[in-house]
Protein backbone atom coordinates (compact mmCIF):
# COMPACT_ATOMS: atom_id res chain seq x y z
CA UNK A 1 78.58 179.39 -10.64
CA UNK A 2 79.50 176.67 -8.16
CA UNK A 3 79.43 172.98 -9.10
CA UNK A 4 76.62 172.40 -6.58
CA UNK A 5 74.51 175.22 -8.07
CA UNK A 6 75.09 173.93 -11.62
CA UNK A 7 73.97 170.46 -10.51
CA UNK A 8 70.82 171.90 -8.91
CA UNK A 9 70.04 173.80 -12.13
CA UNK A 10 70.56 170.82 -14.42
CA UNK A 11 67.60 169.42 -16.37
CA UNK A 12 66.08 166.33 -14.72
CA UNK A 13 65.44 163.06 -16.53
CA UNK A 14 62.72 160.95 -14.92
CA UNK A 15 63.23 157.28 -15.80
CA UNK A 16 61.79 153.92 -14.81
CA UNK A 17 64.22 152.61 -12.20
CA UNK A 18 63.16 148.96 -12.55
CA UNK A 19 63.24 148.76 -16.36
CA UNK A 20 66.36 147.16 -17.86
CA UNK A 21 66.09 149.31 -21.00
CA UNK A 22 65.66 152.50 -18.96
CA UNK A 23 68.59 151.69 -16.67
CA UNK A 24 70.70 151.02 -19.76
CA UNK A 25 69.67 154.44 -21.08
CA UNK A 26 70.80 156.08 -17.82
CA UNK A 27 74.15 154.22 -17.93
CA UNK A 28 74.56 155.34 -21.58
CA UNK A 29 73.94 158.96 -20.56
CA UNK A 30 76.23 158.82 -17.52
CA UNK A 31 79.10 157.69 -19.79
CA UNK A 32 78.55 160.44 -22.37
CA UNK A 33 77.12 163.35 -20.42
CA UNK A 34 79.48 165.85 -18.82
CA UNK A 35 77.15 166.65 -15.91
CA UNK A 36 74.36 168.40 -17.82
CA UNK A 37 71.60 166.07 -16.58
CA UNK A 38 70.32 164.90 -13.23
CA UNK A 39 68.20 161.78 -12.80
CA UNK A 40 65.17 160.73 -10.77
CA UNK A 41 63.62 157.29 -10.89
CA UNK A 42 59.86 157.17 -11.37
CA UNK A 43 59.67 155.17 -8.16
CA UNK A 44 61.27 157.92 -6.03
CA UNK A 45 59.33 160.67 -4.28
CA UNK A 46 61.04 163.28 -6.49
CA UNK A 47 60.25 161.32 -9.67
CA UNK A 48 56.62 160.79 -8.68
CA UNK A 49 56.22 164.49 -7.89
CA UNK A 50 57.72 165.53 -11.24
CA UNK A 51 55.47 163.09 -13.12
CA UNK A 52 52.34 164.26 -11.31
CA UNK A 53 53.33 167.90 -11.70
CA UNK A 54 53.47 167.45 -15.46
CA UNK A 55 50.19 165.60 -15.88
CA UNK A 56 51.60 162.05 -15.96
CA UNK A 57 50.27 159.26 -13.77
CA UNK A 58 53.03 158.23 -11.32
CA UNK A 59 51.27 154.89 -10.76
CA UNK A 60 51.25 154.06 -14.49
CA UNK A 61 54.43 155.62 -15.82
CA UNK A 62 54.54 154.91 -19.54
CA UNK A 63 56.47 158.01 -20.48
CA UNK A 64 59.98 159.31 -20.29
CA UNK A 65 60.11 162.85 -18.88
CA UNK A 66 62.71 165.60 -19.24
CA UNK A 67 62.16 168.71 -17.11
CA UNK A 68 64.07 171.96 -17.55
CA UNK A 69 64.71 173.29 -14.04
CA UNK A 70 66.37 176.59 -14.86
CA UNK A 71 67.63 178.59 -17.81
CA UNK A 72 65.51 180.00 -20.60
CA UNK A 73 62.44 177.83 -19.97
CA UNK A 74 62.28 176.67 -16.33
CA UNK A 75 59.46 174.22 -15.76
CA UNK A 76 59.20 173.25 -19.43
CA UNK A 77 58.88 169.51 -19.92
CA UNK A 78 59.23 167.11 -22.81
CA UNK A 79 57.93 163.54 -23.06
CA UNK A 80 58.21 160.58 -25.38
CA UNK A 81 60.25 161.04 -28.57
CA UNK A 82 60.66 164.79 -27.99
CA UNK A 83 62.36 164.07 -24.65
CA UNK A 84 64.72 161.55 -26.27
CA UNK A 85 65.58 164.07 -29.01
CA UNK A 86 66.23 166.87 -26.49
CA UNK A 87 68.41 164.68 -24.28
CA UNK A 88 70.52 163.41 -27.17
CA UNK A 89 71.02 166.83 -28.73
CA UNK A 90 71.90 168.15 -25.26
CA UNK A 91 74.89 165.80 -25.21
CA UNK A 92 76.42 167.94 -27.95
CA UNK A 93 79.01 166.81 -30.46
CA UNK A 94 77.85 164.18 -32.93
CA UNK A 95 74.71 163.56 -30.84
CA UNK A 96 73.27 166.84 -32.14
CA UNK A 97 72.28 164.92 -35.27
CA UNK A 98 69.38 163.59 -33.19
CA UNK A 99 67.68 166.91 -33.95
CA UNK A 100 66.70 165.24 -37.23
CA UNK A 101 64.20 163.16 -35.25
CA UNK A 102 61.98 166.24 -35.40
CA UNK A 103 61.66 165.72 -39.18
CA UNK A 104 59.59 162.60 -38.51
CA UNK A 105 56.04 163.69 -37.70
CA UNK A 106 55.14 163.25 -34.01
CA UNK A 107 52.01 161.26 -34.98
CA UNK A 108 54.39 158.58 -36.33
CA UNK A 109 57.23 158.65 -33.80
CA UNK A 110 55.27 158.92 -30.53
CA UNK A 111 53.10 155.82 -31.14
CA UNK A 112 56.30 153.87 -31.84
CA UNK A 113 57.81 155.21 -28.62
CA UNK A 114 54.65 154.29 -26.66
CA UNK A 115 54.62 150.77 -28.11
CA UNK A 116 58.15 150.21 -26.80
CA UNK A 117 57.23 151.83 -23.45
CA UNK A 118 54.16 149.59 -23.01
CA UNK A 119 56.16 146.45 -23.76
CA UNK A 120 59.46 147.36 -22.09
CA UNK A 121 59.15 144.90 -19.19
CA UNK A 122 58.17 142.03 -21.46
CA UNK A 123 60.86 142.71 -24.06
CA UNK A 124 63.74 143.84 -21.83
CA UNK A 125 62.85 142.66 -18.33
CA UNK A 126 63.07 144.30 -14.93
CA UNK A 127 65.84 144.81 -12.44
CA UNK A 128 66.47 146.63 -9.20
CA UNK A 129 67.29 150.32 -9.44
CA UNK A 130 70.80 151.20 -10.54
CA UNK A 131 72.97 152.16 -7.61
CA UNK A 132 75.06 155.17 -8.61
CA UNK A 133 78.73 155.35 -7.77
CA UNK A 134 79.88 157.88 -5.20
CA UNK A 135 80.94 160.22 -8.03
CA UNK A 136 77.48 159.93 -9.68
CA UNK A 137 75.38 160.17 -6.52
CA UNK A 138 74.96 163.96 -6.63
CA UNK A 139 73.30 163.61 -10.06
CA UNK A 140 70.39 161.56 -8.69
CA UNK A 141 67.44 163.07 -6.85
């Protein structure tokens, strides 16, 4: 499989491009990920389409979205704490321990996630979208 085809088949992470916390999350992933994930900001056409296509309001994005684009479950999507768990375990190595997040009932972990999401601008601030390097550019939609 060519590098371009692998990139096109990679799961997509939709993130808030103006949130300092969210941009930090993307930088964290870019340092640790070996090319498994692609990224789309919620403010981009691709990000808005993915949000809308999975029942999330692109004009009020309060959720993190991970979309499987190919493989065993194409089109499957995860949000909130499930998305965080899937992304971290997808990094492999010691990050697989994040699978233990599933032991915490969703009715406890998702409200905590949503509280942080609702307050992310107030607590962490806003910024302009991260500009990827030339080497990272093909990982952004």
